[in-house]
N, C-alpha and C. Protein backbone atom coordinates (compact mmCIF):
# COMPACT_ATOMS: atom_id res chain seq x y z
N UNK A 1 113.91 76.88 113.98
CA UNK A 1 112.94 75.80 114.00
C UNK A 1 113.17 74.97 112.74
N UNK A 2 113.14 73.65 112.88
CA UNK A 2 113.37 72.85 111.67
C UNK A 2 112.13 72.87 110.78
N UNK A 3 112.36 72.58 109.53
CA UNK A 3 111.28 72.74 108.54
C UNK A 3 110.12 71.77 108.75
N UNK A 4 110.39 70.58 109.31
CA UNK A 4 109.32 69.62 109.53
C UNK A 4 108.41 70.08 110.66
N UNK A 5 108.98 70.63 111.69
CA UNK A 5 108.18 71.18 112.78
C UNK A 5 107.38 72.38 112.28
N UNK A 6 108.04 73.27 111.53
CA UNK A 6 107.35 74.43 110.99
C UNK A 6 106.19 73.99 110.08
N UNK A 7 106.44 73.02 109.20
CA UNK A 7 105.40 72.53 108.29
C UNK A 7 104.23 71.93 109.05
N UNK A 8 104.53 71.21 110.12
CA UNK A 8 103.47 70.61 110.93
C UNK A 8 102.63 71.69 111.62
N UNK A 9 103.31 72.67 112.19
CA UNK A 9 102.60 73.76 112.87
C UNK A 9 101.77 74.56 111.86
N UNK A 10 102.32 74.82 110.68
CA UNK A 10 101.57 75.55 109.64
C UNK A 10 100.33 74.76 109.22
N UNK A 11 100.48 73.45 109.05
CA UNK A 11 99.33 72.62 108.68
C UNK A 11 98.26 72.58 109.74
N UNK A 12 98.69 72.50 110.99
CA UNK A 12 97.72 72.51 112.09
C UNK A 12 97.02 73.87 112.14
N UNK A 13 97.77 74.95 111.98
CA UNK A 13 97.16 76.28 111.97
C UNK A 13 96.15 76.44 110.85
N UNK A 14 96.51 75.98 109.66
CA UNK A 14 95.58 76.05 108.52
C UNK A 14 94.34 75.21 108.79
N UNK A 15 94.52 74.00 109.33
CA UNK A 15 93.37 73.13 109.63
C UNK A 15 92.45 73.77 110.66
N UNK A 16 93.04 74.29 111.72
CA UNK A 16 92.22 74.93 112.76
C UNK A 16 91.45 76.13 112.22
N UNK A 17 92.10 76.90 111.38
CA UNK A 17 91.45 78.10 110.85
C UNK A 17 90.32 77.75 109.89
N UNK A 18 90.57 76.85 108.95
CA UNK A 18 89.51 76.44 108.03
C UNK A 18 88.39 75.76 108.80
N UNK A 19 88.74 74.94 109.79
CA UNK A 19 87.72 74.31 110.64
C UNK A 19 86.89 75.33 111.39
N UNK A 20 87.56 76.37 111.92
CA UNK A 20 86.85 77.43 112.63
C UNK A 20 85.86 78.13 111.69
N UNK A 21 86.30 78.44 110.49
CA UNK A 21 85.39 79.08 109.53
C UNK A 21 84.18 78.19 109.25
N UNK A 22 84.41 76.90 109.10
CA UNK A 22 83.31 75.98 108.83
C UNK A 22 82.38 75.83 110.03
N UNK A 23 82.95 75.78 111.23
CA UNK A 23 82.12 75.66 112.44
C UNK A 23 81.30 76.93 112.66
N UNK A 24 81.92 78.09 112.48
CA UNK A 24 81.18 79.34 112.63
C UNK A 24 80.06 79.43 111.60
N UNK A 25 80.37 79.00 110.39
CA UNK A 25 79.36 79.02 109.32
C UNK A 25 78.18 78.13 109.69
N UNK A 26 78.47 76.96 110.24
CA UNK A 26 77.40 76.02 110.61
C UNK A 26 76.55 76.54 111.76
N UNK A 27 77.14 77.38 112.62
CA UNK A 27 76.40 77.85 113.78
C UNK A 27 75.60 79.13 113.52
N UNK A 28 75.89 79.82 112.45
CA UNK A 28 75.17 81.05 112.13
C UNK A 28 74.36 80.82 110.86
N UNK A 29 73.07 80.73 111.04
CA UNK A 29 72.17 80.39 109.93
C UNK A 29 72.31 81.38 108.77
N UNK A 30 72.30 80.85 107.56
CA UNK A 30 72.38 81.64 106.33
C UNK A 30 73.65 82.47 106.20
N UNK A 31 74.74 82.01 106.79
CA UNK A 31 76.01 82.71 106.70
C UNK A 31 77.03 81.82 106.02
N UNK A 32 77.75 82.39 105.08
CA UNK A 32 78.83 81.67 104.41
C UNK A 32 80.14 82.31 104.88
N UNK A 33 81.06 81.50 105.39
CA UNK A 33 82.34 82.02 105.85
C UNK A 33 83.53 81.38 105.15
N UNK A 34 83.26 80.50 104.20
CA UNK A 34 84.34 79.77 103.56
C UNK A 34 84.16 79.83 102.04
N UNK A 35 85.27 79.88 101.35
CA UNK A 35 85.25 79.77 99.90
C UNK A 35 86.56 79.11 99.50
N UNK A 36 86.56 78.45 98.36
CA UNK A 36 87.72 77.66 97.94
C UNK A 36 89.04 78.43 97.94
N UNK A 37 89.09 79.69 97.49
CA UNK A 37 90.39 80.38 97.50
C UNK A 37 91.02 80.51 98.88
N UNK A 38 90.23 80.37 99.95
CA UNK A 38 90.79 80.46 101.29
C UNK A 38 91.75 79.31 101.59
N UNK A 39 91.61 78.19 100.91
CA UNK A 39 92.57 77.10 101.09
C UNK A 39 93.96 77.54 100.64
N UNK A 40 94.02 78.20 99.50
CA UNK A 40 95.31 78.71 99.02
C UNK A 40 95.81 79.87 99.87
N UNK A 41 94.89 80.68 100.38
CA UNK A 41 95.27 81.76 101.30
C UNK A 41 95.93 81.17 102.54
N UNK A 42 95.38 80.08 103.05
CA UNK A 42 95.95 79.43 104.24
C UNK A 42 97.38 78.95 103.98
N UNK A 43 97.65 78.46 102.77
CA UNK A 43 99.01 78.04 102.43
C UNK A 43 99.98 79.20 102.61
N UNK A 44 99.61 80.37 102.10
CA UNK A 44 100.49 81.54 102.21
C UNK A 44 100.59 82.06 103.64
N UNK A 45 99.44 82.25 104.29
CA UNK A 45 99.42 82.85 105.62
C UNK A 45 100.14 81.98 106.65
N UNK A 46 99.95 80.67 106.57
CA UNK A 46 100.56 79.78 107.56
C UNK A 46 101.89 79.20 107.09
N UNK A 47 102.05 79.02 105.79
CA UNK A 47 103.25 78.38 105.27
C UNK A 47 104.40 79.32 104.98
N UNK A 48 104.10 80.52 104.50
CA UNK A 48 105.14 81.52 104.21
C UNK A 48 104.69 82.87 104.77
N UNK A 49 104.54 82.94 106.09
CA UNK A 49 103.93 84.13 106.71
C UNK A 49 104.71 85.43 106.49
N UNK A 50 105.97 85.35 106.18
CA UNK A 50 106.75 86.58 105.96
C UNK A 50 106.74 87.04 104.50
N UNK A 51 106.12 86.27 103.63
CA UNK A 51 106.02 86.65 102.23
C UNK A 51 105.16 87.91 102.09
N UNK A 52 105.55 88.81 101.19
CA UNK A 52 104.69 89.97 100.94
C UNK A 52 103.28 89.57 100.53
N UNK A 53 103.15 88.43 99.87
CA UNK A 53 101.84 87.96 99.40
C UNK A 53 100.93 87.49 100.53
N UNK A 54 101.51 87.26 101.71
CA UNK A 54 100.75 86.74 102.85
C UNK A 54 100.47 87.81 103.89
N UNK A 55 100.81 89.05 103.62
CA UNK A 55 100.61 90.12 104.61
C UNK A 55 99.14 90.50 104.70
N UNK A 56 98.71 90.93 105.88
CA UNK A 56 97.28 91.25 106.10
C UNK A 56 96.69 92.17 105.03
N UNK A 57 97.40 93.23 104.68
CA UNK A 57 96.90 94.16 103.66
C UNK A 57 96.64 93.42 102.35
N UNK A 58 97.55 92.56 101.96
CA UNK A 58 97.40 91.84 100.70
C UNK A 58 96.26 90.84 100.76
N UNK A 59 96.18 90.11 101.87
CA UNK A 59 95.12 89.09 102.01
C UNK A 59 93.75 89.76 101.98
N UNK A 60 93.56 90.75 102.82
CA UNK A 60 92.23 91.35 102.95
C UNK A 60 91.87 92.20 101.73
N UNK A 61 92.74 93.12 101.35
CA UNK A 61 92.41 93.99 100.21
C UNK A 61 92.43 93.25 98.88
N UNK A 62 93.34 92.29 98.73
CA UNK A 62 93.36 91.50 97.50
C UNK A 62 92.04 90.74 97.31
N UNK A 63 91.58 90.10 98.39
CA UNK A 63 90.30 89.38 98.30
C UNK A 63 89.13 90.34 98.08
N UNK A 64 89.11 91.45 98.81
CA UNK A 64 88.00 92.41 98.65
C UNK A 64 87.93 92.99 97.24
N UNK A 65 89.08 93.41 96.74
CA UNK A 65 89.13 94.05 95.43
C UNK A 65 88.66 93.09 94.32
N UNK A 66 89.22 91.90 94.31
CA UNK A 66 88.87 90.97 93.23
C UNK A 66 87.44 90.47 93.37
N UNK A 67 86.98 90.33 94.60
CA UNK A 67 85.58 89.92 94.81
C UNK A 67 84.63 91.00 94.31
N UNK A 68 84.94 92.25 94.62
CA UNK A 68 84.10 93.35 94.14
C UNK A 68 84.06 93.38 92.62
N UNK A 69 85.20 93.16 92.00
CA UNK A 69 85.25 93.12 90.53
C UNK A 69 84.35 92.00 90.01
N UNK A 70 84.43 90.84 90.63
CA UNK A 70 83.59 89.71 90.21
C UNK A 70 82.11 90.03 90.34
N UNK A 71 81.73 90.68 91.43
CA UNK A 71 80.32 91.02 91.64
C UNK A 71 79.87 92.08 90.62
N UNK A 72 80.69 93.09 90.41
CA UNK A 72 80.35 94.12 89.42
C UNK A 72 80.15 93.50 88.04
N UNK A 73 81.06 92.66 87.63
CA UNK A 73 80.93 92.02 86.32
C UNK A 73 79.70 91.12 86.28
N UNK A 74 79.46 90.35 87.34
CA UNK A 74 78.29 89.47 87.37
C UNK A 74 77.00 90.28 87.24
N UNK A 75 76.91 91.36 87.98
CA UNK A 75 75.65 92.11 88.01
C UNK A 75 75.46 93.06 86.84
N UNK A 76 76.55 93.63 86.30
CA UNK A 76 76.39 94.68 85.31
C UNK A 76 76.92 94.36 83.91
N UNK A 77 77.77 93.37 83.82
CA UNK A 77 78.34 93.02 82.50
C UNK A 77 77.76 91.72 81.99
N UNK A 78 77.57 90.76 82.88
CA UNK A 78 77.08 89.45 82.48
C UNK A 78 78.20 88.42 82.56
N UNK A 79 77.79 87.17 82.43
CA UNK A 79 78.74 86.07 82.58
C UNK A 79 78.90 85.33 81.27
N UNK A 80 80.09 85.39 80.73
CA UNK A 80 80.47 84.58 79.58
C UNK A 80 81.98 84.44 79.63
N UNK A 81 82.53 83.68 78.73
CA UNK A 81 83.97 83.42 78.75
C UNK A 81 84.77 84.72 78.73
N UNK A 82 84.37 85.65 77.90
CA UNK A 82 85.11 86.91 77.77
C UNK A 82 85.03 87.75 79.03
N UNK A 83 83.83 87.86 79.62
CA UNK A 83 83.69 88.70 80.82
C UNK A 83 84.42 88.08 82.01
N UNK A 84 84.41 86.77 82.13
CA UNK A 84 85.15 86.11 83.22
C UNK A 84 86.65 86.35 83.05
N UNK A 85 87.12 86.21 81.82
CA UNK A 85 88.54 86.45 81.54
C UNK A 85 88.92 87.91 81.83
N UNK A 86 88.09 88.85 81.39
CA UNK A 86 88.37 90.26 81.64
C UNK A 86 88.33 90.61 83.13
N UNK A 87 87.37 90.08 83.85
CA UNK A 87 87.27 90.35 85.28
C UNK A 87 88.49 89.81 86.02
N UNK A 88 88.92 88.63 85.63
CA UNK A 88 90.11 88.04 86.25
C UNK A 88 91.35 88.88 85.97
N UNK A 89 91.53 89.27 84.72
CA UNK A 89 92.67 90.12 84.35
C UNK A 89 92.63 91.46 85.04
N UNK A 90 91.45 92.05 85.14
CA UNK A 90 91.31 93.33 85.83
C UNK A 90 91.67 93.18 87.31
N UNK A 91 91.25 92.09 87.92
CA UNK A 91 91.58 91.82 89.32
C UNK A 91 93.09 91.72 89.52
N UNK A 92 93.76 91.01 88.63
CA UNK A 92 95.22 90.89 88.71
C UNK A 92 95.86 92.26 88.58
N UNK A 93 95.44 93.03 87.58
CA UNK A 93 96.01 94.36 87.37
C UNK A 93 95.78 95.27 88.57
N UNK A 94 94.58 95.25 89.12
CA UNK A 94 94.27 96.12 90.27
C UNK A 94 95.10 95.74 91.49
N UNK A 95 95.26 94.45 91.74
CA UNK A 95 96.10 94.04 92.87
C UNK A 95 97.54 94.50 92.66
N UNK A 96 98.06 94.33 91.46
CA UNK A 96 99.44 94.72 91.18
C UNK A 96 99.62 96.23 91.29
N UNK A 97 98.68 97.00 90.76
CA UNK A 97 98.78 98.46 90.80
C UNK A 97 98.65 99.01 92.22
N UNK A 98 97.89 98.33 93.06
CA UNK A 98 97.66 98.82 94.42
C UNK A 98 98.61 98.20 95.44
N UNK A 99 99.53 97.38 94.97
CA UNK A 99 100.48 96.71 95.87
C UNK A 99 99.77 95.83 96.89
N UNK A 100 98.72 95.16 96.47
CA UNK A 100 97.98 94.26 97.36
C UNK A 100 97.87 92.87 96.74
N UNK A 101 98.90 92.44 96.05
CA UNK A 101 98.87 91.16 95.34
C UNK A 101 98.74 90.00 96.32
N UNK A 102 97.72 89.19 96.09
CA UNK A 102 97.48 87.97 96.87
C UNK A 102 96.96 86.93 95.87
N UNK A 103 97.83 86.05 95.36
CA UNK A 103 97.46 85.14 94.28
C UNK A 103 96.14 84.38 94.46
N UNK A 104 95.81 83.84 95.64
CA UNK A 104 94.54 83.14 95.74
C UNK A 104 93.33 84.00 95.39
N UNK A 105 93.44 85.31 95.61
CA UNK A 105 92.33 86.22 95.30
C UNK A 105 92.06 86.30 93.80
N UNK A 106 93.02 85.90 92.98
CA UNK A 106 92.81 85.89 91.54
C UNK A 106 91.68 84.96 91.12
N UNK A 107 91.34 84.00 91.96
CA UNK A 107 90.24 83.08 91.64
C UNK A 107 88.87 83.67 91.96
N UNK A 108 88.84 84.74 92.72
CA UNK A 108 87.55 85.28 93.17
C UNK A 108 86.59 85.68 92.05
N UNK A 109 87.03 86.43 91.03
CA UNK A 109 86.07 86.77 89.99
C UNK A 109 85.46 85.53 89.31
N UNK A 110 86.28 84.53 89.09
CA UNK A 110 85.78 83.29 88.46
C UNK A 110 84.74 82.64 89.36
N UNK A 111 85.08 82.44 90.62
CA UNK A 111 84.17 81.82 91.58
C UNK A 111 82.87 82.60 91.70
N UNK A 112 82.98 83.90 91.87
CA UNK A 112 81.81 84.75 92.09
C UNK A 112 80.92 84.81 90.86
N UNK A 113 81.51 84.98 89.70
CA UNK A 113 80.71 85.08 88.49
C UNK A 113 80.05 83.76 88.14
N UNK A 114 80.76 82.66 88.32
CA UNK A 114 80.18 81.35 87.96
C UNK A 114 79.13 80.87 88.95
N UNK A 115 79.20 81.38 90.20
CA UNK A 115 78.21 80.96 91.19
C UNK A 115 77.14 82.03 91.43
N UNK A 116 77.27 83.18 90.77
CA UNK A 116 76.23 84.21 90.83
C UNK A 116 76.06 84.87 92.19
N UNK A 117 77.13 85.42 92.72
CA UNK A 117 77.07 86.03 94.05
C UNK A 117 76.68 87.50 94.00
N UNK A 118 76.13 87.98 95.13
CA UNK A 118 75.74 89.40 95.22
C UNK A 118 76.64 90.12 96.22
N UNK A 119 76.27 91.36 96.56
CA UNK A 119 77.11 92.21 97.40
C UNK A 119 77.31 91.67 98.80
N UNK A 120 76.37 90.91 99.33
CA UNK A 120 76.52 90.33 100.66
C UNK A 120 77.73 89.40 100.72
N UNK A 121 78.04 88.75 99.62
CA UNK A 121 79.19 87.84 99.54
C UNK A 121 80.49 88.58 99.85
N UNK A 122 80.52 89.88 99.56
CA UNK A 122 81.70 90.69 99.83
C UNK A 122 81.98 90.78 101.33
N UNK A 123 80.92 90.82 102.13
CA UNK A 123 81.08 90.86 103.59
C UNK A 123 81.37 89.50 104.17
N UNK A 124 80.58 88.53 103.76
CA UNK A 124 80.75 87.17 104.23
C UNK A 124 80.48 86.22 103.08
N UNK A 125 81.47 85.51 102.64
CA UNK A 125 82.67 85.10 103.34
C UNK A 125 83.91 85.98 103.13
N UNK A 126 83.92 86.84 102.12
CA UNK A 126 85.18 87.46 101.71
C UNK A 126 85.85 88.26 102.83
N UNK A 127 85.21 89.31 103.31
CA UNK A 127 85.84 90.17 104.30
C UNK A 127 86.02 89.46 105.65
N UNK A 128 84.95 88.92 106.17
CA UNK A 128 85.02 88.28 107.48
C UNK A 128 85.97 87.08 107.47
N UNK A 129 85.89 86.26 106.43
CA UNK A 129 86.77 85.10 106.33
C UNK A 129 88.23 85.50 106.23
N UNK A 130 88.53 86.51 105.41
CA UNK A 130 89.92 86.96 105.26
C UNK A 130 90.45 87.52 106.58
N UNK A 131 89.62 88.27 107.29
CA UNK A 131 90.05 88.82 108.58
C UNK A 131 90.34 87.70 109.58
N UNK A 132 89.47 86.71 109.64
CA UNK A 132 89.69 85.59 110.56
C UNK A 132 90.98 84.85 110.22
N UNK A 133 91.22 84.60 108.95
CA UNK A 133 92.46 83.93 108.54
C UNK A 133 93.68 84.75 108.96
N UNK A 134 93.63 86.04 108.72
CA UNK A 134 94.75 86.92 109.09
C UNK A 134 94.99 86.88 110.60
N UNK A 135 93.92 87.01 111.39
CA UNK A 135 94.07 87.00 112.85
C UNK A 135 94.60 85.67 113.36
N UNK A 136 94.10 84.58 112.81
CA UNK A 136 94.60 83.26 113.22
C UNK A 136 96.07 83.11 112.84
N UNK A 137 96.43 83.55 111.65
CA UNK A 137 97.82 83.45 111.22
C UNK A 137 98.75 84.27 112.08
N UNK A 138 98.36 85.50 112.39
CA UNK A 138 99.19 86.36 113.24
C UNK A 138 99.25 85.81 114.67
N UNK A 139 98.15 85.27 115.14
CA UNK A 139 98.14 84.67 116.48
C UNK A 139 99.09 83.49 116.58
N UNK A 140 99.08 82.63 115.57
CA UNK A 140 99.98 81.48 115.55
C UNK A 140 101.43 81.95 115.49
N UNK A 141 101.72 82.98 114.71
CA UNK A 141 103.08 83.52 114.64
C UNK A 141 103.54 83.99 116.01
N UNK A 142 102.69 84.69 116.73
CA UNK A 142 103.04 85.20 118.06
C UNK A 142 103.32 84.04 119.02
N UNK A 143 102.47 83.02 118.97
CA UNK A 143 102.68 81.85 119.83
C UNK A 143 104.02 81.18 119.53
N UNK A 144 104.32 81.02 118.25
CA UNK A 144 105.59 80.39 117.86
C UNK A 144 106.76 81.23 118.33
N UNK A 145 106.69 82.52 118.14
CA UNK A 145 107.79 83.40 118.55
C UNK A 145 108.02 83.32 120.06
N UNK A 146 106.95 83.35 120.83
CA UNK A 146 107.07 83.27 122.29
C UNK A 146 107.65 81.93 122.72
N UNK A 147 107.09 80.85 122.17
CA UNK A 147 107.50 79.51 122.56
C UNK A 147 108.97 79.27 122.22
N UNK A 148 109.35 79.60 121.01
CA UNK A 148 110.72 79.31 120.57
C UNK A 148 111.72 80.31 121.14
N UNK A 149 111.26 81.49 121.52
CA UNK A 149 112.17 82.43 122.19
C UNK A 149 112.47 81.94 123.61
N UNK A 150 111.46 81.36 124.27
CA UNK A 150 111.66 80.82 125.62
C UNK A 150 112.48 79.54 125.58
N UNK A 151 112.25 78.72 124.55
CA UNK A 151 112.96 77.44 124.44
C UNK A 151 114.41 77.63 124.02
N UNK A 152 114.69 78.72 123.30
CA UNK A 152 116.03 78.93 122.77
C UNK A 152 116.89 79.63 123.72
C-alpha cells in the first residue's frame, strides 16, 4: 500500500475513533471518555500499528499504570512542581520496567494531577477509552489486510 493511502486511512481511523469517544461521552451523562493523550495514542495505534509502542498491552497498561500513579500522587502526596515531576518520572520508569512503554501515557500524571482526578478517572476515560482505541485500531488493521489481500 502506498504511504499516502496508508496515511489517509490512518487519519480517517483516528478521526472516527476520537469522534466515537466524543459521541459516546455525549450520550452517557457524567461520563468522560476522552483525554488529550489519546490524540497521541491515535497517532501510534493508527499510524505505526506494528510499533511495539502501539501494541494493545502497551496502550492499555501504559495508560492505566501512569494514570494510577497520577491519582496516587494527587490524593496522597499533593500537587506541586516536584510531585508532578516525580510522578511523571515514576510513570516512565514503571512503563520501561514492565515492558509496557507507551509514550502518550507519560502525560497522564501531569494531566491527572493538574486537573485533580479521582479513581473513577482510571475506569473512564483511561481504561475504557484505551480499550476502544485498541479495538478500533485492530479492527481497521483487519479491514485493511482483508481488502488489500483481495485486491492484490
